[in-house]
Amino acid sequence: MDASTVFVAPFGLASTLRFVEAAAARDGSRLTVIGQEPSGSFAAKLSAESRARLAGYEQVADCHDVDALPEAVRRIAGRTSARHHLAEDARSAMAFARETLPLVAKPPAGAGAKDTFRVDELADLESWLRRVPPTPDRPLLLEEGVQGREFSFDSVSIGGKHVFHSISEYSPTPLQVMESPWIQWTVLLPREIDGPEYADILAAGPRVLDVLGMHSGVTHMEWFRRHDASIAISEVAARPPGAQFSSLISWAHGIDFYRAWAEVSVFDRFEVPERKYAAGAAYLRGQGEGRVARVHGIERAREELGDLVVEAKIPRPGQPKASSYEGEGYVVLRHPDTQVVREGLQRLVQILQVELAV
């Protein structure tokens, strides 16, 4: 994800253009100019290279108008980032939805995709608002829907410096999992995460943490790879990740990440480990309602994949249906080859089936 920068330049004077072109030349920055000249007139004064790198131009009547500038920035933001609205009543929620479908609705504070739902039709949101109307004390966050593959960027910062990161791939996305109770999903931590396929998030993630003022601690960031290959960061939590991610990070690096978190939190200390393995978890979710009756495929999974298993929680008969999207159990695999773990996870969700019964 590129950082978005707005440069206010009332007129394309020679001295001003030198600064504009320097800003446009920066890697990792999408530059938009606000000015009083017509866009064609301003662009004609730039070099061909700078014109090609310019993300946009917004004309205003007076760059010294303190009301006009914020409005121009809002128009730019509407074109370059996901739209969002914190609704404190049903009326404002519906007004935003009419302009933004599809969207995602969720509480401002939460974890594990709980109480998060996709809105494709206004009628769906209307129905929800009748049951759970937002209030100033319990607002509803509405965000423009982002389509693509979902990942996490988990990191450690010490003294304001980014010192460690781990990337995880969801399959499918958590929202799809919440919408389909029958899906058994997986998370993969590839062994190789410093290559060109992750260059954009490796550049954007630490910058986002800097902007948010992260000093020392562990963070969990959710991000998407859109269908056009661009990325979008959807949320950042100043906490360790859930859903066994800390265990997966431990297995991938051969460390105790829970202990490492304590060291970071108490002593501002962290020894950066080497990522020696790929690791992943398959989350086992029961089919139907009730309690766990039996788990099918355990022996077959043990025969085919037993050498890869480093941790497991197999659902027990009589265990109640889980309330979270993590399901009733999980199996963790580890191997130096990422593809071996990827294929093993997919095989696990094919073999293991949790049967529920009333």
Protein backbone atom coordinates (compact mmCIF):
# COMPACT_ATOMS: atom_id res chain seq x y z
CA MET A 1 0.00 0.00 0.00
CA ASP A 2 1.38 3.41 -0.94
CA ALA A 3 1.20 6.31 1.50
CA SER A 4 -1.09 9.12 0.31
CA THR A 5 0.40 12.63 0.34
CA VAL A 6 -1.41 15.90 -0.42
CA PHE A 7 0.62 18.91 -1.59
CA VAL A 8 -1.09 22.34 -1.54
CA ALA A 9 0.38 24.44 -4.36
CA PRO A 10 -1.80 27.44 -5.30
CA PHE A 11 0.10 28.06 -8.55
CA GLY A 12 2.72 26.20 -10.54
CA LEU A 13 5.57 28.64 -9.99
CA ALA A 14 9.04 27.43 -10.94
CA SER A 15 10.25 27.29 -7.34
CA THR A 16 7.06 25.48 -6.23
CA LEU A 17 7.30 22.91 -9.01
CA ARG A 18 10.75 21.83 -7.83
CA PHE A 19 9.23 20.83 -4.49
CA VAL A 20 6.24 19.15 -6.16
CA GLU A 21 8.48 17.09 -8.42
CA ALA A 22 10.68 16.08 -5.51
CA ALA A 23 7.61 14.88 -3.61
CA ALA A 24 6.29 13.02 -6.66
CA ALA A 25 9.61 11.23 -7.11
CA ARG A 26 9.48 9.58 -3.67
CA ASP A 27 8.95 5.83 -3.81
CA GLY A 28 6.02 4.53 -1.80
CA SER A 29 4.07 7.82 -1.88
CA ARG A 30 0.95 8.61 -3.94
CA LEU A 31 1.00 12.39 -4.45
CA THR A 32 -2.12 14.47 -5.06
CA VAL A 33 -1.90 18.23 -5.58
CA ILE A 34 -4.47 20.82 -4.52
CA GLY A 35 -4.20 24.06 -6.48
CA GLN A 36 -6.09 27.00 -7.97
CA GLU A 37 -5.05 26.45 -11.60
CA PRO A 38 -6.96 24.15 -13.96
CA SER A 39 -5.49 20.65 -13.80
CA GLY A 40 -4.33 20.71 -17.43
CA SER A 41 -2.47 23.97 -16.97
CA PHE A 42 -0.70 22.73 -13.84
CA ALA A 43 0.18 19.32 -15.29
CA ALA A 44 1.67 20.90 -18.41
CA LYS A 45 4.35 22.54 -16.26
CA LEU A 46 5.53 19.22 -14.82
CA SER A 47 8.04 16.85 -16.36
CA ALA A 48 6.60 13.81 -18.13
CA GLU A 49 7.93 11.57 -15.36
CA SER A 50 6.26 13.62 -12.62
CA ARG A 51 2.95 13.73 -14.53
CA ALA A 52 3.01 9.96 -14.75
CA ARG A 53 3.61 9.61 -11.01
CA LEU A 54 0.98 12.14 -9.93
CA ALA A 55 -2.02 10.37 -8.38
CA GLY A 56 -4.40 13.28 -8.94
CA TYR A 57 -5.13 16.99 -8.90
CA GLU A 58 -7.93 18.80 -7.06
CA GLN A 59 -8.79 22.37 -8.06
CA VAL A 60 -10.15 24.84 -5.49
CA ALA A 61 -11.09 28.50 -5.82
CA ASP A 62 -8.80 29.67 -3.01
CA CYS A 63 -6.05 27.62 -1.35
CA HIS A 64 -6.20 29.98 1.64
CA ASP A 65 -9.83 29.10 2.32
CA VAL A 66 -9.72 27.10 5.57
CA ASP A 67 -13.07 25.48 4.76
CA ALA A 68 -12.28 24.58 1.16
CA LEU A 69 -9.05 22.70 1.88
CA PRO A 70 -10.49 20.09 4.28
CA GLU A 71 -13.35 19.47 1.87
CA ALA A 72 -10.87 18.95 -0.98
CA VAL A 73 -8.89 16.48 1.13
CA ARG A 74 -12.09 14.57 1.91
CA ARG A 75 -12.84 14.32 -1.82
CA ILE A 76 -9.32 13.00 -2.42
CA ALA A 77 -9.65 10.47 0.41
CA GLY A 78 -12.90 9.24 -1.06
CA ARG A 79 -11.07 8.37 -4.26
CA THR A 80 -7.89 6.85 -2.78
CA SER A 81 -8.90 4.91 0.38
CA ALA A 82 -11.70 2.75 1.74
CA ARG A 83 -14.67 4.88 2.86
CA HIS A 84 -15.93 4.48 6.42
CA HIS A 85 -18.51 5.93 8.79
CA LEU A 86 -19.11 5.59 12.53
CA ALA A 87 -22.90 5.54 12.81
CA GLU A 88 -24.51 6.61 16.07
CA ASP A 89 -28.05 6.21 14.76
CA ALA A 90 -29.88 4.20 12.10
CA ARG A 91 -30.54 7.21 9.88
CA SER A 92 -26.86 8.07 9.33
CA ALA A 93 -26.04 4.38 8.83
CA MET A 94 -28.59 4.06 6.03
CA ALA A 95 -27.45 7.33 4.43
CA PHE A 96 -23.85 6.07 4.25
CA ALA A 97 -24.93 2.65 2.98
CA ARG A 98 -26.91 4.12 0.09
CA GLU A 99 -23.66 5.54 -1.30
CA THR A 100 -21.24 2.76 -0.37
CA LEU A 101 -22.66 -0.75 -0.98
CA PRO A 102 -21.26 -3.33 -0.64
CA LEU A 103 -19.92 -2.68 2.83
CA VAL A 104 -18.94 -4.39 6.07
CA ALA A 105 -20.55 -3.55 9.41
CA LYS A 106 -18.96 -4.23 12.77
CA PRO A 107 -18.53 -2.82 16.28
CA PRO A 108 -15.60 -0.37 16.63
CA ALA A 109 -14.02 -2.61 19.29
CA GLY A 110 -13.90 -6.37 18.91
CA ALA A 111 -11.86 -9.36 17.87
CA GLY A 112 -12.26 -12.59 15.96
CA ALA A 113 -14.73 -11.11 13.44
CA LYS A 114 -17.50 -11.40 16.04
CA ASP A 115 -20.66 -9.38 15.25
CA THR A 116 -19.17 -8.54 11.84
CA PHE A 117 -21.33 -8.95 8.75
CA ARG A 118 -21.33 -8.12 5.07
CA VAL A 119 -24.05 -5.84 3.65
CA ASP A 120 -24.87 -6.34 -0.02
CA GLU A 121 -28.45 -5.02 0.05
CA LEU A 122 -29.98 -2.09 1.91
CA ALA A 123 -32.73 -4.39 3.19
CA ASP A 124 -30.12 -6.48 5.03
CA LEU A 125 -28.84 -3.44 6.92
CA GLU A 126 -32.34 -2.18 7.60
CA SER A 127 -33.26 -5.50 9.19
CA TRP A 128 -30.14 -5.46 11.37
CA LEU A 129 -30.70 -1.85 12.48
CA ARG A 130 -34.23 -2.65 13.60
CA ARG A 131 -32.89 -5.41 15.85
CA VAL A 132 -29.74 -3.64 17.09
CA PRO A 133 -30.03 0.13 16.51
CA PRO A 134 -26.73 2.00 16.99
CA THR A 135 -26.46 4.66 19.68
CA PRO A 136 -23.75 7.15 20.72
CA ASP A 137 -22.74 4.67 23.43
CA ARG A 138 -22.82 1.68 21.07
CA PRO A 139 -22.04 2.97 17.57
CA LEU A 140 -21.75 0.82 14.44
CA LEU A 141 -18.69 1.07 12.20
CA LEU A 142 -19.46 0.84 8.47
CA GLU A 143 -16.61 0.31 6.01
CA GLU A 144 -16.47 0.08 2.25
CA GLY A 145 -16.24 -3.59 1.29
CA VAL A 146 -12.76 -4.69 0.16
CA GLN A 147 -12.54 -7.81 -2.00
CA GLY A 148 -9.45 -9.99 -2.20
CA ARG A 149 -7.23 -12.40 -0.26
CA GLU A 150 -6.72 -11.65 3.42
CA PHE A 151 -3.48 -11.77 5.40
CA SER A 152 -2.09 -10.63 8.73
CA PHE A 153 1.08 -8.69 9.51
CA ASP A 154 2.12 -9.41 13.09
CA SER A 155 5.01 -7.38 14.41
CA VAL A 156 7.19 -6.31 17.31
CA SER A 157 8.33 -2.74 17.97
CA ILE A 158 10.97 -1.69 20.48
CA GLY A 159 11.48 1.96 21.37
CA GLY A 160 9.58 3.13 18.31
CA LYS A 161 11.60 0.92 15.94
CA HIS A 162 10.09 -1.94 13.94
CA VAL A 163 12.25 -5.01 14.70
CA PHE A 164 10.22 -8.10 13.70
CA HIS A 165 7.35 -9.17 11.49
CA SER A 166 5.43 -12.31 10.59
CA ILE A 167 3.02 -12.72 7.68
CA SER A 168 0.08 -15.13 7.70
CA GLU A 169 -2.35 -16.16 4.94
CA TYR A 170 -6.02 -16.87 5.65
CA SER A 171 -7.93 -19.41 3.56
CA PRO A 172 -10.70 -18.37 3.18
CA THR A 173 -11.17 -14.92 4.77
CA PRO A 174 -12.49 -14.70 8.36
CA LEU A 175 -15.68 -13.00 7.15
CA GLN A 176 -16.37 -15.84 4.73
CA VAL A 177 -15.80 -18.26 7.59
CA MET A 178 -18.29 -16.39 9.79
CA GLU A 179 -20.87 -16.42 7.01
CA SER A 180 -20.46 -20.18 6.38
CA PRO A 181 -20.51 -22.20 9.64
CA TRP A 182 -19.61 -25.41 7.78
CA ILE A 183 -16.24 -24.16 6.49
CA GLN A 184 -13.11 -25.61 8.08
CA TRP A 185 -10.49 -22.95 7.45
CA THR A 186 -6.73 -22.66 7.59
CA VAL A 187 -3.96 -20.18 8.35
CA LEU A 188 -0.50 -20.54 6.80
CA LEU A 189 2.74 -18.85 7.86
CA PRO A 190 5.01 -19.20 4.81
CA ARG A 191 8.66 -19.70 5.60
CA GLU A 192 9.83 -17.15 3.02
CA ILE A 193 8.24 -13.74 3.65
CA ASP A 194 10.88 -11.23 2.58
CA GLY A 195 10.52 -11.68 -1.19
CA PRO A 196 8.95 -9.36 -3.79
CA GLU A 197 5.44 -10.82 -3.33
CA TYR A 198 5.27 -9.13 0.08
CA ALA A 199 7.37 -6.03 -0.68
CA ASP A 200 4.41 -3.63 -0.52
CA ILE A 201 3.17 -4.72 2.91
CA LEU A 202 6.74 -4.90 4.23
CA ALA A 203 7.09 -1.24 3.25
CA ALA A 204 3.62 -0.10 4.32
CA GLY A 205 3.22 -2.02 7.58
CA PRO A 206 6.04 -0.33 9.54
CA ARG A 207 5.02 3.09 8.15
CA VAL A 208 1.47 2.58 9.41
CA LEU A 209 2.78 1.67 12.86
CA ASP A 210 4.93 4.82 12.87
CA VAL A 211 1.93 6.98 11.97
CA LEU A 212 -0.13 5.36 14.74
CA GLY A 213 2.64 6.08 17.25
CA MET A 214 3.54 2.49 18.09
CA HIS A 215 6.43 2.59 20.59
CA SER A 216 7.03 -0.83 22.17
CA GLY A 217 4.86 -3.91 21.96
CA VAL A 218 3.30 -6.56 19.74
CA THR A 219 0.73 -5.66 17.08
CA HIS A 220 -1.69 -7.59 14.89
CA MET A 221 -2.55 -6.03 11.51
CA GLU A 222 -5.14 -7.33 9.02
CA TRP A 223 -4.60 -6.56 5.34
CA PHE A 224 -5.98 -7.51 1.93
CA ARG A 225 -4.48 -8.20 -1.48
CA ARG A 226 -7.09 -6.77 -3.84
CA HIS A 227 -7.88 -8.37 -7.19
CA ASP A 228 -5.86 -5.63 -8.93
CA ALA A 229 -2.81 -6.65 -6.78
CA SER A 230 -2.92 -3.48 -4.65
CA ILE A 231 -3.14 -3.83 -0.87
CA ALA A 232 -5.46 -2.38 1.77
CA ILE A 233 -4.86 -2.41 5.51
CA SER A 234 -8.16 -2.91 7.29
CA GLU A 235 -7.26 -2.75 10.98
CA VAL A 236 -4.39 -2.64 13.45
CA ALA A 237 -4.61 -3.94 17.02
CA ALA A 238 -2.00 -3.11 19.66
CA ARG A 239 -2.04 -6.65 21.02
CA PRO A 240 -0.75 -10.13 20.19
CA PRO A 241 -2.78 -12.07 17.60
CA GLY A 242 -5.40 -14.62 18.62
CA ALA A 243 -6.47 -17.98 17.12
CA GLN A 244 -3.21 -19.81 17.90
CA PHE A 245 -1.19 -17.31 15.83
CA SER A 246 1.27 -16.81 18.68
CA SER A 247 1.77 -20.58 18.79
CA LEU A 248 2.28 -20.65 15.02
CA ILE A 249 4.89 -17.89 15.25
CA SER A 250 6.58 -19.92 17.99
CA TRP A 251 6.65 -23.07 15.84
CA ALA A 252 7.86 -21.22 12.73
CA HIS A 253 10.81 -19.66 14.56
CA GLY A 254 11.61 -22.23 17.21
CA ILE A 255 10.93 -19.80 20.07
CA ASP A 256 8.35 -19.21 22.79
CA PHE A 257 6.54 -16.16 21.41
CA TYR A 258 4.36 -15.91 24.53
CA ARG A 259 7.50 -15.45 26.62
CA ALA A 260 8.85 -13.05 24.00
CA TRP A 261 5.70 -10.93 24.34
CA ALA A 262 6.27 -10.71 28.09
CA GLU A 263 9.88 -9.64 27.53
CA VAL A 264 8.74 -6.92 25.11
CA SER A 265 5.96 -5.70 27.39
CA VAL A 266 7.96 -5.61 30.61
CA PHE A 267 11.56 -5.00 29.57
CA ASP A 268 11.35 -3.52 26.02
CA ARG A 269 13.54 -6.43 24.95
CA PHE A 270 13.28 -8.81 22.00
CA GLU A 271 15.80 -11.11 20.34
CA VAL A 272 14.93 -11.32 16.64
CA PRO A 273 14.68 -15.00 15.64
CA GLU A 274 15.28 -16.73 12.31
CA ARG A 275 12.21 -18.11 10.53
CA LYS A 276 13.25 -21.74 10.12
CA TYR A 277 9.95 -23.35 9.14
CA ALA A 278 6.59 -22.85 7.55
CA ALA A 279 3.74 -23.49 9.98
CA GLY A 280 -0.01 -23.56 9.73
CA ALA A 281 -3.23 -24.44 11.50
CA ALA A 282 -6.38 -26.18 10.28
CA TYR A 283 -9.42 -25.18 12.34
CA LEU A 284 -11.96 -27.96 12.87
CA ARG A 285 -15.58 -26.80 12.90
CA GLY A 286 -18.53 -29.06 13.59
CA GLN A 287 -21.23 -29.73 11.03
CA GLY A 288 -24.75 -29.10 12.34
CA GLU A 289 -25.88 -28.21 15.85
CA GLY A 290 -25.53 -29.64 19.34
CA ARG A 291 -22.49 -31.30 20.87
CA VAL A 292 -19.57 -33.21 19.38
CA ALA A 293 -20.71 -36.75 18.61
CA ARG A 294 -17.59 -38.04 16.86
CA VAL A 295 -14.62 -36.94 14.74
CA HIS A 296 -14.16 -38.75 11.44
CA GLY A 297 -10.80 -39.35 9.76
CA ILE A 298 -8.42 -39.21 12.73
CA GLU A 299 -6.55 -42.42 11.88
CA ARG A 300 -6.27 -41.53 8.21
CA ALA A 301 -4.95 -38.06 9.04
CA ARG A 302 -2.42 -39.58 11.41
CA GLU A 303 -1.19 -42.01 8.73
CA GLU A 304 -0.86 -39.36 6.01
CA LEU A 305 0.27 -36.31 7.98
CA GLY A 306 1.36 -37.46 11.41
CA ASP A 307 5.01 -36.56 10.80
CA LEU A 308 4.05 -32.91 10.23
CA VAL A 309 1.86 -32.48 13.32
CA VAL A 310 3.44 -30.53 16.18
CA GLU A 311 0.33 -29.53 18.13
CA ALA A 312 -3.33 -30.55 18.10
CA LYS A 313 -6.58 -30.09 19.95
CA ILE A 314 -8.96 -32.79 18.74
CA PRO A 315 -12.64 -32.18 19.62
CA ARG A 316 -13.90 -34.46 22.39
CA PRO A 317 -17.24 -36.32 22.35
CA GLY A 318 -19.76 -34.35 24.36
CA GLN A 319 -17.95 -31.06 23.83
CA PRO A 320 -20.44 -28.20 23.12
CA LYS A 321 -20.45 -26.40 19.78
CA ALA A 322 -17.97 -23.52 19.84
CA SER A 323 -19.22 -19.94 19.88
CA SER A 324 -16.25 -18.55 17.94
CA TYR A 325 -15.10 -19.03 14.38
CA GLU A 326 -12.08 -20.99 15.63
CA GLY A 327 -14.28 -24.08 15.96
CA GLU A 328 -14.08 -27.02 18.31
CA GLY A 329 -10.44 -27.91 17.66
CA TYR A 330 -7.35 -27.43 15.52
CA VAL A 331 -4.24 -29.15 14.19
CA VAL A 332 -0.87 -27.40 13.70
CA LEU A 333 1.60 -28.55 11.03
CA ARG A 334 5.26 -27.57 10.56
CA HIS A 335 7.86 -28.26 7.86
CA PRO A 336 10.79 -26.39 6.25
CA ASP A 337 8.98 -26.43 2.87
CA THR A 338 6.02 -24.03 2.66
CA GLN A 339 4.25 -26.04 -0.03
CA VAL A 340 4.33 -29.18 2.11
CA VAL A 341 2.51 -27.35 4.89
CA ARG A 342 0.08 -25.69 2.47
CA GLU A 343 -0.93 -29.00 0.92
CA GLY A 344 -1.04 -30.68 4.33
CA LEU A 345 -3.50 -28.13 5.68
CA GLN A 346 -5.81 -28.56 2.71
CA ARG A 347 -5.63 -32.33 3.12
CA LEU A 348 -6.51 -32.06 6.81
CA VAL A 349 -9.74 -30.16 6.20
CA GLN A 350 -10.69 -32.78 3.62
CA ILE A 351 -10.01 -35.75 5.89
CA LEU A 352 -11.15 -34.56 9.33
CA GLN A 353 -14.85 -33.96 9.86
CA VAL A 354 -16.48 -33.05 13.19
CA GLU A 355 -19.99 -34.44 13.59
CA LEU A 356 -22.37 -32.65 15.94
CA ALA A 357 -25.60 -34.06 17.29
CA VAL A 358 -28.37 -32.80 19.55
